Amino acid sequence: MKGKKKLSDFFINQKVPLYQKEEIPILVNGNGEIMWIGGYRPDERYKVSDNTKKVTIFELFKLT
């Protein structure tokens, strides 16, 4: 996907139920840009590419 999309529009397109939206973790950088929607996808700007020099790994675990 190219361009920007509101988080609410993303959730609507993914058909995420209202009660689940509050439970989905959102990784945001210091500039307030969304880097990753937990369990769905990373932002295109932050995907690993041939030009990537540093990588930070985040894992999502479901607590029981």
Protein backbone atom coordinates (compact mmCIF):
# COMPACT_ATOMS: atom_id res chain seq x y z
CA MET A 1 0.00 0.00 0.00
CA LYS A 2 1.30 3.45 -0.88
CA GLY A 3 0.37 6.69 0.84
CA LYS A 4 -1.17 7.25 4.25
CA LYS A 5 -4.32 5.83 5.78
CA LYS A 6 -6.05 6.66 9.05
CA LEU A 7 -5.80 3.97 11.68
CA SER A 8 -9.60 3.89 11.96
CA ASP A 9 -9.89 3.32 8.19
CA PHE A 10 -7.33 0.53 8.39
CA PHE A 11 -9.35 -1.21 11.12
CA ILE A 12 -12.56 -0.81 9.12
CA ASN A 13 -10.95 -2.27 5.98
CA GLN A 14 -9.60 -5.19 8.02
CA LYS A 15 -13.07 -5.67 9.58
CA VAL A 16 -11.69 -5.47 13.12
CA PRO A 17 -14.56 -5.54 15.64
CA LEU A 18 -14.89 -2.49 17.88
CA TYR A 19 -14.18 -4.45 21.07
CA GLN A 20 -10.83 -5.72 19.66
CA LYS A 21 -9.49 -2.32 18.57
CA GLU A 22 -8.55 -1.33 22.12
CA GLU A 23 -6.55 -4.53 22.59
CA ILE A 24 -4.36 -4.24 19.47
CA PRO A 25 -0.87 -2.92 20.29
CA ILE A 26 0.39 0.00 18.21
CA LEU A 27 4.14 0.70 18.04
CA VAL A 28 4.78 4.44 17.61
CA ASN A 29 8.12 6.20 17.17
CA GLY A 30 9.21 9.43 18.90
CA ASN A 31 7.69 11.52 16.10
CA GLY A 32 4.25 10.00 16.64
CA GLU A 33 4.41 7.92 13.44
CA ILE A 34 2.89 4.45 13.58
CA MET A 35 5.61 1.89 12.87
CA TRP A 36 3.68 -1.33 13.42
CA ILE A 37 0.14 -2.45 14.04
CA GLY A 38 0.65 -5.51 16.22
CA GLY A 39 -0.57 -8.69 14.60
CA TYR A 40 -1.28 -6.99 11.27
CA ARG A 41 1.59 -5.27 9.48
CA PRO A 42 4.46 -2.80 9.72
CA ASP A 43 4.40 0.58 8.02
CA GLU A 44 6.08 0.46 4.58
CA ARG A 45 8.63 3.09 5.70
CA TYR A 46 9.93 0.77 8.42
CA LYS A 47 10.14 -2.53 6.56
CA VAL A 48 13.56 -4.16 6.22
CA SER A 49 15.09 -3.56 2.78
CA ASP A 50 18.46 -3.86 1.04
CA ASN A 51 19.32 -0.38 2.38
CA THR A 52 18.59 -1.27 6.03
CA LYS A 53 21.57 -0.78 8.34
CA LYS A 54 20.05 -1.48 11.77
CA VAL A 55 17.20 -3.72 12.86
CA THR A 56 15.23 -3.88 16.09
CA ILE A 57 13.08 -6.95 16.62
CA PHE A 58 9.74 -6.67 18.41
CA GLU A 59 7.74 -9.77 19.22
CA LEU A 60 4.11 -9.98 20.18
CA PHE A 61 3.08 -12.62 22.71
CA LYS A 62 -0.42 -13.38 23.91
CA LEU A 63 -0.57 -13.60 27.68
CA THR A 64 -2.76 -16.32 29.13
